[in-house]
């Protein structure tokens, strides 16, 4: 039940937050250099690294993406008629959290090395 609810929450959250950030980005881009600099300054430090808000938004959206993806893969497996046994179903539900956390950490470690 938790995985199903979180699947809906992450999907709605990514759509809402992602759309708002995209519109803000496009408006800032179209409005000129000062507006774009303001957009960038909200999420970065003077040296170009992410600030706390940038980390929260970035990691939050990334974790939401991977959690939604892992839950979708689980639902795809269930749609094939497999994994309806209670213990296996619960194990797959728990693995969505483990998988999304590992993928998020791997993504940000990769980004941090570039």
PDB file of N, CA and C in Angstrom:
ATOM      1  N   UNK A   1       0.826  -1.177   0.000  1.00  0.00           N
ATOM      2  CA  UNK A   1       0.000   0.000   0.000  1.00  0.00           C
ATOM      3  C   UNK A   1       0.881   1.256   0.000  1.00  0.00           C
ATOM      4  N   UNK A   2       1.925   1.260   0.792  1.00  0.00           N
ATOM      5  CA  UNK A   2       2.813   2.416   0.870  1.00  0.00           C
ATOM      6  C   UNK A   2       3.464   2.694  -0.481  1.00  0.00           C
ATOM      7  N   UNK A   3       3.898   1.627  -1.159  1.00  0.00           N
ATOM      8  CA  UNK A   3       4.551   1.794  -2.450  1.00  0.00           C
ATOM      9  C   UNK A   3       3.566   2.362  -3.468  1.00  0.00           C
ATOM     10  N   UNK A   4       2.338   1.900  -3.437  1.00  0.00           N
ATOM     11  CA  UNK A   4       1.326   2.389  -4.365  1.00  0.00           C
ATOM     12  C   UNK A   4       1.024   3.871  -4.136  1.00  0.00           C
ATOM     13  N   UNK A   5       0.881   4.251  -2.886  1.00  0.00           N
ATOM     14  CA  UNK A   5       0.616   5.657  -2.561  1.00  0.00           C
ATOM     15  C   UNK A   5       1.813   6.512  -2.943  1.00  0.00           C
ATOM     16  N   UNK A   6       3.016   6.044  -2.628  1.00  0.00           N
ATOM     17  CA  UNK A   6       4.224   6.801  -2.961  1.00  0.00           C
ATOM     18  C   UNK A   6       4.404   6.922  -4.474  1.00  0.00           C
ATOM     19  N   UNK A   7       3.969   5.901  -5.212  1.00  0.00           N
ATOM     20  CA  UNK A   7       4.031   5.958  -6.680  1.00  0.00           C
ATOM     21  C   UNK A   7       3.184   7.120  -7.192  1.00  0.00           C
ATOM     22  N   UNK A   8       1.999   7.268  -6.646  1.00  0.00           N
ATOM     23  CA  UNK A   8       1.123   8.373  -7.054  1.00  0.00           C
ATOM     24  C   UNK A   8       1.695   9.728  -6.618  1.00  0.00           C
ATOM     25  N   UNK A   9       2.196   9.785  -5.397  1.00  0.00           N
ATOM     26  CA  UNK A   9       2.750  11.045  -4.872  1.00  0.00           C
ATOM     27  C   UNK A   9       3.969  11.488  -5.678  1.00  0.00           C
ATOM     28  N   UNK A  10       4.872  10.556  -5.979  1.00  0.00           N
ATOM     29  CA  UNK A  10       6.073  10.930  -6.730  1.00  0.00           C
ATOM     30  C   UNK A  10       5.715  11.354  -8.148  1.00  0.00           C
ATOM     31  N   UNK A  11       4.759  10.691  -8.764  1.00  0.00           N
ATOM     32  CA  UNK A  11       4.336  11.084 -10.103  1.00  0.00           C
ATOM     33  C   UNK A  11       3.739  12.476 -10.121  1.00  0.00           C
ATOM     34  N   UNK A  12       2.840  12.741  -9.182  1.00  0.00           N
ATOM     35  CA  UNK A  12       2.221  14.069  -9.102  1.00  0.00           C
ATOM     36  C   UNK A  12       3.244  15.132  -8.726  1.00  0.00           C
ATOM     37  N   UNK A  13       4.130  14.809  -7.794  1.00  0.00           N
ATOM     38  CA  UNK A  13       5.149  15.761  -7.367  1.00  0.00           C
ATOM     39  C   UNK A  13       6.110  16.121  -8.482  1.00  0.00           C
ATOM     40  N   UNK A  14       6.562  15.110  -9.223  1.00  0.00           N
ATOM     41  CA  UNK A  14       7.471  15.394 -10.335  1.00  0.00           C
ATOM     42  C   UNK A  14       6.779  16.231 -11.398  1.00  0.00           C
ATOM     43  N   UNK A  15       5.521  15.917 -11.687  1.00  0.00           N
ATOM     44  CA  UNK A  15       4.789  16.676 -12.702  1.00  0.00           C
ATOM     45  C   UNK A  15       4.596  18.122 -12.261  1.00  0.00           C
ATOM     46  N   UNK A  16       4.224  18.323 -11.017  1.00  0.00           N
ATOM     47  CA  UNK A  16       3.955  19.677 -10.525  1.00  0.00           C
ATOM     48  C   UNK A  16       5.238  20.488 -10.381  1.00  0.00           C
ATOM     49  N   UNK A  17       6.175  19.981  -9.610  1.00  0.00           N
ATOM     50  CA  UNK A  17       7.430  20.709  -9.374  1.00  0.00           C
ATOM     51  C   UNK A  17       8.219  20.839 -10.670  1.00  0.00           C
ATOM     52  N   UNK A  18       8.292  19.767 -11.432  1.00  0.00           N
ATOM     53  CA  UNK A  18       9.021  19.816 -12.697  1.00  0.00           C
ATOM     54  C   UNK A  18       8.434  20.827 -13.669  1.00  0.00           C
ATOM     55  N   UNK A  19       7.110  20.869 -13.766  1.00  0.00           N
ATOM     56  CA  UNK A  19       6.472  21.836 -14.664  1.00  0.00           C
ATOM     57  C   UNK A  19       6.717  23.269 -14.200  1.00  0.00           C
ATOM     58  N   UNK A  20       6.607  23.495 -12.903  1.00  0.00           N
ATOM     59  CA  UNK A  20       6.842  24.849 -12.397  1.00  0.00           C
ATOM     60  C   UNK A  20       8.282  25.289 -12.646  1.00  0.00           C
ATOM     61  N   UNK A  21       9.251  24.398 -12.392  1.00  0.00           N
ATOM     62  CA  UNK A  21      10.655  24.738 -12.639  1.00  0.00           C
ATOM     63  C   UNK A  21      10.920  24.958 -14.126  1.00  0.00           C
ATOM     64  N   UNK A  22      10.318  24.138 -14.971  1.00  0.00           N
ATOM     65  CA  UNK A  22      10.515  24.293 -16.407  1.00  0.00           C
ATOM     66  C   UNK A  22       9.950  25.628 -16.903  1.00  0.00           C
ATOM     67  N   UNK A  23       8.753  25.970 -16.458  1.00  0.00           N
ATOM     68  CA  UNK A  23       8.158  27.249 -16.869  1.00  0.00           C
ATOM     69  C   UNK A  23       8.998  28.415 -16.360  1.00  0.00           C
ATOM     70  N   UNK A  24       9.424  28.342 -15.102  1.00  0.00           N
ATOM     71  CA  UNK A  24      10.270  29.403 -14.542  1.00  0.00           C
ATOM     72  C   UNK A  24      11.559  29.537 -15.345  1.00  0.00           C
ATOM     73  N   UNK A  25      12.188  28.397 -15.655  1.00  0.00           N
ATOM     74  CA  UNK A  25      13.420  28.389 -16.436  1.00  0.00           C
ATOM     75  C   UNK A  25      13.203  29.014 -17.813  1.00  0.00           C
ATOM     76  N   UNK A  26      12.143  28.619 -18.509  1.00  0.00           N
ATOM     77  CA  UNK A  26      11.887  29.137 -19.846  1.00  0.00           C
ATOM     78  C   UNK A  26      11.563  30.629 -19.834  1.00  0.00           C
ATOM     79  N   UNK A  27      10.773  31.068 -18.847  1.00  0.00           N
ATOM     80  CA  UNK A  27      10.468  32.493 -18.727  1.00  0.00           C
ATOM     81  C   UNK A  27      11.739  33.278 -18.426  1.00  0.00           C
ATOM     82  N   UNK A  28      12.570  32.764 -17.527  1.00  0.00           N
ATOM     83  CA  UNK A  28      13.829  33.443 -17.201  1.00  0.00           C
ATOM     84  C   UNK A  28      14.740  33.496 -18.419  1.00  0.00           C
ATOM     85  N   UNK A  29      14.780  32.415 -19.163  1.00  0.00           N
ATOM     86  CA  UNK A  29      15.616  32.361 -20.354  1.00  0.00           C
ATOM     87  C   UNK A  29      15.143  33.366 -21.408  1.00  0.00           C
ATOM     88  N   UNK A  30      13.838  33.464 -21.561  1.00  0.00           N
ATOM     89  CA  UNK A  30      13.272  34.381 -22.556  1.00  0.00           C
ATOM     90  C   UNK A  30      13.325  35.836 -22.100  1.00  0.00           C
ATOM     91  N   UNK A  31      13.450  36.056 -20.798  1.00  0.00           N
ATOM     92  CA  UNK A  31      13.414  37.429 -20.260  1.00  0.00           C
ATOM     93  C   UNK A  31      14.768  38.117 -20.261  1.00  0.00           C
ATOM     94  N   UNK A  32      15.811  37.396 -20.526  1.00  0.00           N
ATOM     95  CA  UNK A  32      17.123  38.033 -20.602  1.00  0.00           C
ATOM     96  C   UNK A  32      18.112  37.507 -19.578  1.00  0.00           C
ATOM     97  N   UNK A  33      19.314  38.047 -19.666  1.00  0.00           N
ATOM     98  CA  UNK A  33      20.429  37.566 -18.850  1.00  0.00           C
ATOM     99  C   UNK A  33      20.202  37.770 -17.354  1.00  0.00           C
ATOM    100  N   UNK A  34      19.617  38.899 -16.963  1.00  0.00           N
ATOM    101  CA  UNK A  34      19.410  39.164 -15.532  1.00  0.00           C
ATOM    102  C   UNK A  34      18.413  38.186 -14.920  1.00  0.00           C
ATOM    103  N   UNK A  35      17.321  37.922 -15.620  1.00  0.00           N
ATOM    104  CA  UNK A  35      16.309  36.991 -15.113  1.00  0.00           C
ATOM    105  C   UNK A  35      16.879  35.575 -15.028  1.00  0.00           C
ATOM    106  N   UNK A  36      17.659  35.182 -16.036  1.00  0.00           N
ATOM    107  CA  UNK A  36      18.272  33.861 -16.017  1.00  0.00           C
ATOM    108  C   UNK A  36      19.289  33.754 -14.877  1.00  0.00           C
ATOM    109  N   UNK A  37      20.057  34.804 -14.662  1.00  0.00           N
ATOM    110  CA  UNK A  37      21.033  34.808 -13.565  1.00  0.00           C
ATOM    111  C   UNK A  37      20.329  34.679 -12.222  1.00  0.00           C
ATOM    112  N   UNK A  38      19.177  35.315 -12.082  1.00  0.00           N
ATOM    113  CA  UNK A  38      18.396  35.185 -10.843  1.00  0.00           C
ATOM    114  C   UNK A  38      17.946  33.748 -10.645  1.00  0.00           C
ATOM    115  N   UNK A  39      17.465  33.117 -11.721  1.00  0.00           N
ATOM    116  CA  UNK A  39      17.047  31.711 -11.643  1.00  0.00           C
ATOM    117  C   UNK A  39      18.211  30.836 -11.197  1.00  0.00           C
ATOM    118  N   UNK A  40      19.358  31.011 -11.802  1.00  0.00           N
ATOM    119  CA  UNK A  40      20.536  30.203 -11.469  1.00  0.00           C
ATOM    120  C   UNK A  40      20.992  30.482 -10.040  1.00  0.00           C
ATOM    121  N   UNK A  41      20.953  31.743  -9.626  1.00  0.00           N
ATOM    122  CA  UNK A  41      21.409  32.119  -8.283  1.00  0.00           C
ATOM    123  C   UNK A  41      20.563  31.504  -7.169  1.00  0.00           C
ATOM    124  N   UNK A  42      19.316  31.193  -7.446  1.00  0.00           N
ATOM    125  CA  UNK A  42      18.452  30.592  -6.428  1.00  0.00           C
ATOM    126  C   UNK A  42      18.965  29.208  -6.038  1.00  0.00           C
ATOM    127  N   UNK A  43      19.568  28.497  -6.988  1.00  0.00           N
ATOM    128  CA  UNK A  43      19.967  27.113  -6.748  1.00  0.00           C
ATOM    129  C   UNK A  43      21.464  26.888  -6.622  1.00  0.00           C
ATOM    130  N   UNK A  44      22.280  27.925  -6.865  1.00  0.00           N
ATOM    131  CA  UNK A  44      23.726  27.723  -6.836  1.00  0.00           C
ATOM    132  C   UNK A  44      24.425  28.749  -5.953  1.00  0.00           C
ATOM    133  N   UNK A  45      25.648  28.396  -5.576  1.00  0.00           N
ATOM    134  CA  UNK A  45      26.533  29.311  -4.861  1.00  0.00           C
ATOM    135  C   UNK A  45      27.300  30.139  -5.886  1.00  0.00           C
ATOM    136  N   UNK A  46      28.083  31.071  -5.406  1.00  0.00           N
ATOM    137  CA  UNK A  46      28.845  31.955  -6.294  1.00  0.00           C
ATOM    138  C   UNK A  46      29.830  31.182  -7.174  1.00  0.00           C
ATOM    139  N   UNK A  47      30.350  30.057  -6.676  1.00  0.00           N
ATOM    140  CA  UNK A  47      31.326  29.293  -7.457  1.00  0.00           C
ATOM    141  C   UNK A  47      30.681  28.270  -8.388  1.00  0.00           C
ATOM    142  N   UNK A  48      29.344  28.266  -8.462  1.00  0.00           N
ATOM    143  CA  UNK A  48      28.652  27.379  -9.392  1.00  0.00           C
ATOM    144  C   UNK A  48      28.175  26.069  -8.797  1.00  0.00           C
ATOM    145  N   UNK A  49      28.574  25.779  -7.569  1.00  0.00           N
ATOM    146  CA  UNK A  49      28.099  24.550  -6.920  1.00  0.00           C
ATOM    147  C   UNK A  49      26.680  24.758  -6.414  1.00  0.00           C
ATOM    148  N   UNK A  50      25.970  23.646  -6.219  1.00  0.00           N
ATOM    149  CA  UNK A  50      24.603  23.731  -5.707  1.00  0.00           C
ATOM    150  C   UNK A  50      24.591  24.206  -4.263  1.00  0.00           C
ATOM    151  N   UNK A  51      23.630  25.051  -3.925  1.00  0.00           N
ATOM    152  CA  UNK A  51      23.426  25.434  -2.529  1.00  0.00           C
ATOM    153  C   UNK A  51      22.450  24.437  -1.892  1.00  0.00           C
ATOM    154  N   UNK A  52      22.040  24.686  -0.662  1.00  0.00           N
ATOM    155  CA  UNK A  52      21.155  23.755   0.044  1.00  0.00           C
ATOM    156  C   UNK A  52      19.846  23.546  -0.713  1.00  0.00           C
ATOM    157  N   UNK A  53      19.232  24.620  -1.189  1.00  0.00           N
ATOM    158  CA  UNK A  53      17.979  24.495  -1.935  1.00  0.00           C
ATOM    159  C   UNK A  53      18.191  23.705  -3.225  1.00  0.00           C
ATOM    160  N   UNK A  54      19.300  23.947  -3.890  1.00  0.00           N
ATOM    161  CA  UNK A  54      19.624  23.200  -5.104  1.00  0.00           C
ATOM    162  C   UNK A  54      19.765  21.719  -4.844  1.00  0.00           C
ATOM    163  N   UNK A  55      20.424  21.384  -3.727  1.00  0.00           N
ATOM    164  CA  UNK A  55      20.572  19.975  -3.350  1.00  0.00           C
ATOM    165  C   UNK A  55      19.217  19.347  -3.021  1.00  0.00           C
ATOM    166  N   UNK A  56      18.402  20.060  -2.264  1.00  0.00           N
ATOM    167  CA  UNK A  56      17.091  19.513  -1.875  1.00  0.00           C
ATOM    168  C   UNK A  56      16.231  19.260  -3.108  1.00  0.00           C
ATOM    169  N   UNK A  57      16.168  20.247  -3.987  1.00  0.00           N
ATOM    170  CA  UNK A  57      15.353  20.092  -5.197  1.00  0.00           C
ATOM    171  C   UNK A  57      15.943  19.019  -6.106  1.00  0.00           C
ATOM    172  N   UNK A  58      17.241  19.054  -6.313  1.00  0.00           N
ATOM    173  CA  UNK A  58      17.884  18.087  -7.200  1.00  0.00           C
ATOM    174  C   UNK A  58      17.781  16.658  -6.705  1.00  0.00           C
ATOM    175  N   UNK A  59      18.154  16.439  -5.461  1.00  0.00           N
ATOM    176  CA  UNK A  59      18.097  15.085  -4.899  1.00  0.00           C
ATOM    177  C   UNK A  59      16.642  14.642  -4.750  1.00  0.00           C
ATOM    178  N   UNK A  60      15.768  15.557  -4.359  1.00  0.00           N
ATOM    179  CA  UNK A  60      14.351  15.209  -4.208  1.00  0.00           C
ATOM    180  C   UNK A  60      13.729  14.774  -5.523  1.00  0.00           C
ATOM    181  N   UNK A  61      13.979  15.531  -6.590  1.00  0.00           N
ATOM    182  CA  UNK A  61      13.431  15.147  -7.894  1.00  0.00           C
ATOM    183  C   UNK A  61      14.060  13.860  -8.413  1.00  0.00           C
ATOM    184  N   UNK A  62      15.354  13.682  -8.172  1.00  0.00           N
ATOM    185  CA  UNK A  62      16.022  12.470  -8.616  1.00  0.00           C
ATOM    186  C   UNK A  62      15.498  11.251  -7.867  1.00  0.00           C
ATOM    187  N   UNK A  63      15.357  11.364  -6.549  1.00  0.00           N
ATOM    188  CA  UNK A  63      14.813  10.259  -5.765  1.00  0.00           C
ATOM    189  C   UNK A  63      13.375   9.956  -6.189  1.00  0.00           C
ATOM    190  N   UNK A  64      12.599  10.984  -6.440  1.00  0.00           N
ATOM    191  CA  UNK A  64      11.224  10.780  -6.905  1.00  0.00           C
ATOM    192  C   UNK A  64      11.204  10.057  -8.247  1.00  0.00           C
ATOM    193  N   UNK A  65      12.093  10.475  -9.145  1.00  0.00           N
ATOM    194  CA  UNK A  65      12.154   9.828 -10.460  1.00  0.00           C
ATOM    195  C   UNK A  65      12.480   8.349 -10.328  1.00  0.00           C
ATOM    196  N   UNK A  66      13.509   8.020  -9.562  1.00  0.00           N
ATOM    197  CA  UNK A  66      13.916   6.628  -9.441  1.00  0.00           C
ATOM    198  C   UNK A  66      12.899   5.806  -8.656  1.00  0.00           C
ATOM    199  N   UNK A  67      12.273   6.386  -7.634  1.00  0.00           N
ATOM    200  CA  UNK A  67      11.243   5.665  -6.891  1.00  0.00           C
ATOM    201  C   UNK A  67      10.045   5.377  -7.801  1.00  0.00           C
ATOM    202  N   UNK A  68       9.643   6.368  -8.577  1.00  0.00           N
ATOM    203  CA  UNK A  68       8.520   6.197  -9.499  1.00  0.00           C
ATOM    204  C   UNK A  68       8.862   5.143 -10.558  1.00  0.00           C
ATOM    205  N   UNK A  69      10.094   5.182 -11.050  1.00  0.00           N
ATOM    206  CA  UNK A  69      10.521   4.209 -12.048  1.00  0.00           C
ATOM    207  C   UNK A  69      10.557   2.794 -11.489  1.00  0.00           C
ATOM    208  N   UNK A  70      11.131   2.629 -10.299  1.00  0.00           N
ATOM    209  CA  UNK A  70      11.211   1.297  -9.697  1.00  0.00           C
ATOM    210  C   UNK A  70       9.816   0.753  -9.384  1.00  0.00           C
ATOM    211  N   UNK A  71       8.943   1.622  -8.918  1.00  0.00           N
ATOM    212  CA  UNK A  71       7.569   1.196  -8.644  1.00  0.00           C
ATOM    213  C   UNK A  71       6.853   0.832  -9.940  1.00  0.00           C
ATOM    214  N   UNK A  72       7.122   1.570 -10.999  1.00  0.00           N
ATOM    215  CA  UNK A  72       6.534   1.248 -12.297  1.00  0.00           C
ATOM    216  C   UNK A  72       7.009  -0.097 -12.816  1.00  0.00           C
ATOM    217  N   UNK A  73       8.285  -0.388 -12.623  1.00  0.00           N
ATOM    218  CA  UNK A  73       8.819  -1.702 -13.025  1.00  0.00           C
ATOM    219  C   UNK A  73       8.145  -2.797 -12.218  1.00  0.00           C
ATOM    220  N   UNK A  74       7.952  -2.560 -10.927  1.00  0.00           N
ATOM    221  CA  UNK A  74       7.254  -3.537 -10.082  1.00  0.00           C
ATOM    222  C   UNK A  74       5.838  -3.759 -10.588  1.00  0.00           C
ATOM    223  N   UNK A  75       5.149  -2.681 -10.929  1.00  0.00           N
ATOM    224  CA  UNK A  75       3.787  -2.818 -11.451  1.00  0.00           C
ATOM    225  C   UNK A  75       3.784  -3.555 -12.788  1.00  0.00           C
ATOM    226  N   UNK A  76       4.797  -3.343 -13.606  1.00  0.00           N
ATOM    227  CA  UNK A  76       4.897  -4.057 -14.870  1.00  0.00           C
ATOM    228  C   UNK A  76       5.029  -5.561 -14.631  1.00  0.00           C
ATOM    229  N   UNK A  77       5.838  -5.935 -13.648  1.00  0.00           N
ATOM    230  CA  UNK A  77       5.982  -7.351 -13.300  1.00  0.00           C
ATOM    231  C   UNK A  77       4.642  -7.903 -12.811  1.00  0.00           C
ATOM    232  N   UNK A  78       3.953  -7.136 -11.969  1.00  0.00           N
ATOM    233  CA  UNK A  78       2.651  -7.585 -11.472  1.00  0.00           C
ATOM    234  C   UNK A  78       1.624  -7.692 -12.602  1.00  0.00           C
ATOM    235  N   UNK A  79       1.708  -6.815 -13.587  1.00  0.00           N
ATOM    236  CA  UNK A  79       0.776  -6.857 -14.718  1.00  0.00           C
ATOM    237  C   UNK A  79       0.946  -8.101 -15.576  1.00  0.00           C
ATOM    238  N   UNK A  80       2.112  -8.724 -15.506  1.00  0.00           N
ATOM    239  CA  UNK A  80       2.327  -9.965 -16.254  1.00  0.00           C
ATOM    240  C   UNK A  80       1.721 -11.162 -15.537  1.00  0.00           C
ATOM    241  N   UNK A  81       1.228 -10.950 -14.327  1.00  0.00           N
ATOM    242  CA  UNK A  81       0.628 -12.034 -13.546  1.00  0.00           C
ATOM    243  C   UNK A  81       1.610 -12.700 -12.607  1.00  0.00           C
ATOM    244  N   UNK A  82       2.807 -12.176 -12.523  1.00  0.00           N
ATOM    245  CA  UNK A  82       3.839 -12.758 -11.664  1.00  0.00           C
ATOM    246  C   UNK A  82       3.905 -12.014 -10.334  1.00  0.00           C
ATOM    247  N   UNK A  83       4.536 -12.619  -9.364  1.00  0.00           N
ATOM    248  CA  UNK A  83       4.874 -12.004  -8.076  1.00  0.00           C
ATOM    249  C   UNK A  83       3.655 -11.631  -7.237  1.00  0.00           C
ATOM    250  N   UNK A  84       2.595 -12.415  -7.317  1.00  0.00           N
ATOM    251  CA  UNK A  84       1.439 -12.158  -6.463  1.00  0.00           C
ATOM    252  C   UNK A  84       1.519 -12.891  -5.127  1.00  0.00           C
ATOM    253  N   UNK A  85       2.535 -13.751  -4.962  1.00  0.00           N
ATOM    254  CA  UNK A  85       2.719 -14.392  -3.672  1.00  0.00           C
ATOM    255  C   UNK A  85       3.086 -13.311  -2.663  1.00  0.00           C
ATOM    256  N   UNK A  86       2.506 -13.393  -1.477  1.00  0.00           N
ATOM    257  CA  UNK A  86       2.618 -12.311  -0.509  1.00  0.00           C
ATOM    258  C   UNK A  86       4.065 -11.971  -0.165  1.00  0.00           C
ATOM    259  N   UNK A  87       4.871 -12.971   0.150  1.00  0.00           N
ATOM    260  CA  UNK A  87       6.257 -12.686   0.552  1.00  0.00           C
ATOM    261  C   UNK A  87       7.060 -12.076  -0.591  1.00  0.00           C
ATOM    262  N   UNK A  88       6.900 -12.585  -1.807  1.00  0.00           N
ATOM    263  CA  UNK A  88       7.625 -12.045  -2.951  1.00  0.00           C
ATOM    264  C   UNK A  88       7.136 -10.633  -3.271  1.00  0.00           C
ATOM    265  N   UNK A  89       5.846 -10.413  -3.177  1.00  0.00           N
ATOM    266  CA  UNK A  89       5.284  -9.090  -3.432  1.00  0.00           C
ATOM    267  C   UNK A  89       5.824  -8.071  -2.434  1.00  0.00           C
ATOM    268  N   UNK A  90       5.875  -8.447  -1.168  1.00  0.00           N
ATOM    269  CA  UNK A  90       6.415  -7.547  -0.147  1.00  0.00           C
ATOM    270  C   UNK A  90       7.903  -7.298  -0.361  1.00  0.00           C
ATOM    271  N   UNK A  91       8.633  -8.315  -0.773  1.00  0.00           N
ATOM    272  CA  UNK A  91      10.066  -8.164  -1.033  1.00  0.00           C
ATOM    273  C   UNK A  91      10.289  -7.189  -2.194  1.00  0.00           C
ATOM    274  N   UNK A  92       9.500  -7.340  -3.249  1.00  0.00           N
ATOM    275  CA  UNK A  92       9.623  -6.423  -4.382  1.00  0.00           C
ATOM    276  C   UNK A  92       9.258  -4.991  -3.981  1.00  0.00           C
ATOM    277  N   UNK A  93       8.263  -4.847  -3.114  1.00  0.00           N
ATOM    278  CA  UNK A  93       7.881  -3.514  -2.639  1.00  0.00           C
ATOM    279  C   UNK A  93       9.033  -2.868  -1.877  1.00  0.00           C
ATOM    280  N   UNK A  94       9.685  -3.637  -1.023  1.00  0.00           N
ATOM    281  CA  UNK A  94      10.825  -3.108  -0.272  1.00  0.00           C
ATOM    282  C   UNK A  94      11.999  -2.796  -1.192  1.00  0.00           C
ATOM    283  N   UNK A  95      12.174  -3.619  -2.212  1.00  0.00           N
ATOM    284  CA  UNK A  95      13.278  -3.405  -3.141  1.00  0.00           C
ATOM    285  C   UNK A  95      13.117  -2.115  -3.948  1.00  0.00           C
ATOM    286  N   UNK A  96      11.885  -1.635  -4.104  1.00  0.00           N
ATOM    287  CA  UNK A  96      11.715  -0.361  -4.812  1.00  0.00           C
ATOM    288  C   UNK A  96      12.396   0.764  -4.034  1.00  0.00           C
ATOM    289  N   UNK A  97      12.301   0.714  -2.704  1.00  0.00           N
ATOM    290  CA  UNK A  97      12.953   1.736  -1.874  1.00  0.00           C
ATOM    291  C   UNK A  97      14.468   1.589  -1.914  1.00  0.00           C
ATOM    292  N   UNK A  98      14.938   0.366  -1.820  1.00  0.00           N
ATOM    293  CA  UNK A  98      16.380   0.111  -1.853  1.00  0.00           C
ATOM    294  C   UNK A  98      16.952   0.510  -3.212  1.00  0.00           C
ATOM    295  N   UNK A  99      16.290   0.069  -4.278  1.00  0.00           N
ATOM    296  CA  UNK A  99      16.765   0.367  -5.626  1.00  0.00           C
ATOM    297  C   UNK A  99      16.791   1.857  -5.921  1.00  0.00           C
ATOM    298  N   UNK A 100      15.731   2.555  -5.537  1.00  0.00           N
ATOM    299  CA  UNK A 100      15.680   3.993  -5.812  1.00  0.00           C
ATOM    300  C   UNK A 100      16.744   4.748  -5.022  1.00  0.00           C
ATOM    301  N   UNK A 101      17.007   4.321  -3.805  1.00  0.00           N
ATOM    302  CA  UNK A 101      18.043   4.963  -2.994  1.00  0.00           C
ATOM    303  C   UNK A 101      19.427   4.725  -3.588  1.00  0.00           C
ATOM    304  N   UNK A 102      19.698   3.503  -4.000  1.00  0.00           N
ATOM    305  CA  UNK A 102      20.995   3.177  -4.596  1.00  0.00           C
ATOM    306  C   UNK A 102      21.190   3.929  -5.908  1.00  0.00           C
ATOM    307  N   UNK A 103      20.159   3.961  -6.741  1.00  0.00           N
ATOM    308  CA  UNK A 103      20.256   4.680  -8.010  1.00  0.00           C
ATOM    309  C   UNK A 103      20.464   6.175  -7.801  1.00  0.00           C
ATOM    310  N   UNK A 104      19.786   6.749  -6.810  1.00  0.00           N
ATOM    311  CA  UNK A 104      19.950   8.174  -6.513  1.00  0.00           C
ATOM    312  C   UNK A 104      21.372   8.462  -6.045  1.00  0.00           C
ATOM    313  N   UNK A 105      21.872   7.649  -5.131  1.00  0.00           N
ATOM    314  CA  UNK A 105      23.253   7.830  -4.658  1.00  0.00           C
ATOM    315  C   UNK A 105      24.250   7.679  -5.797  1.00  0.00           C
ATOM    316  N   UNK A 106      24.056   6.670  -6.636  1.00  0.00           N
ATOM    317  CA  UNK A 106      24.971   6.453  -7.761  1.00  0.00           C
ATOM    318  C   UNK A 106      24.925   7.626  -8.729  1.00  0.00           C
ATOM    319  N   UNK A 107      23.734   8.135  -8.999  1.00  0.00           N
ATOM    320  CA  UNK A 107      23.597   9.278  -9.907  1.00  0.00           C
ATOM    321  C   UNK A 107      24.336  10.493  -9.378  1.00  0.00           C
ATOM    322  N   UNK A 108      24.117  10.816  -8.093  1.00  0.00           N
ATOM    323  CA  UNK A 108      24.746  12.024  -7.537  1.00  0.00           C
ATOM    324  C   UNK A 108      26.237  11.841  -7.316  1.00  0.00           C
ATOM    325  N   UNK A 109      26.692  10.624  -7.068  1.00  0.00           N
ATOM    326  CA  UNK A 109      28.135  10.392  -7.001  1.00  0.00           C
ATOM    327  C   UNK A 109      28.759  10.572  -8.385  1.00  0.00           C
ATOM    328  N   UNK A 110      28.069  10.102  -9.413  1.00  0.00           N
ATOM    329  CA  UNK A 110      28.543  10.274 -10.783  1.00  0.00           C
ATOM    330  C   UNK A 110      28.575  11.761 -11.145  1.00  0.00           C
ATOM    331  N   UNK A 111      27.509  12.484 -10.844  1.00  0.00           N
ATOM    332  CA  UNK A 111      27.444  13.919 -11.151  1.00  0.00           C
ATOM    333  C   UNK A 111      28.537  14.663 -10.366  1.00  0.00           C
ATOM    334  N   UNK A 112      28.779  14.249  -9.141  1.00  0.00           N
ATOM    335  CA  UNK A 112      29.777  14.909  -8.310  1.00  0.00           C
ATOM    336  C   UNK A 112      31.192  14.728  -8.806  1.00  0.00           C
ATOM    337  N   UNK A 113      31.437  13.669  -9.579  1.00  0.00           N
ATOM    338  CA  UNK A 113      32.786  13.430 -10.086  1.00  0.00           C
ATOM    339  C   UNK A 113      33.032  14.139 -11.413  1.00  0.00           C
ATOM    340  N   UNK A 114      32.004  14.716 -11.981  1.00  0.00           N
ATOM    341  CA  UNK A 114      32.155  15.402 -13.283  1.00  0.00           C
ATOM    342  C   UNK A 114      32.360  16.877 -13.111  1.00  0.00           C
TER     343      UNK A 114
END
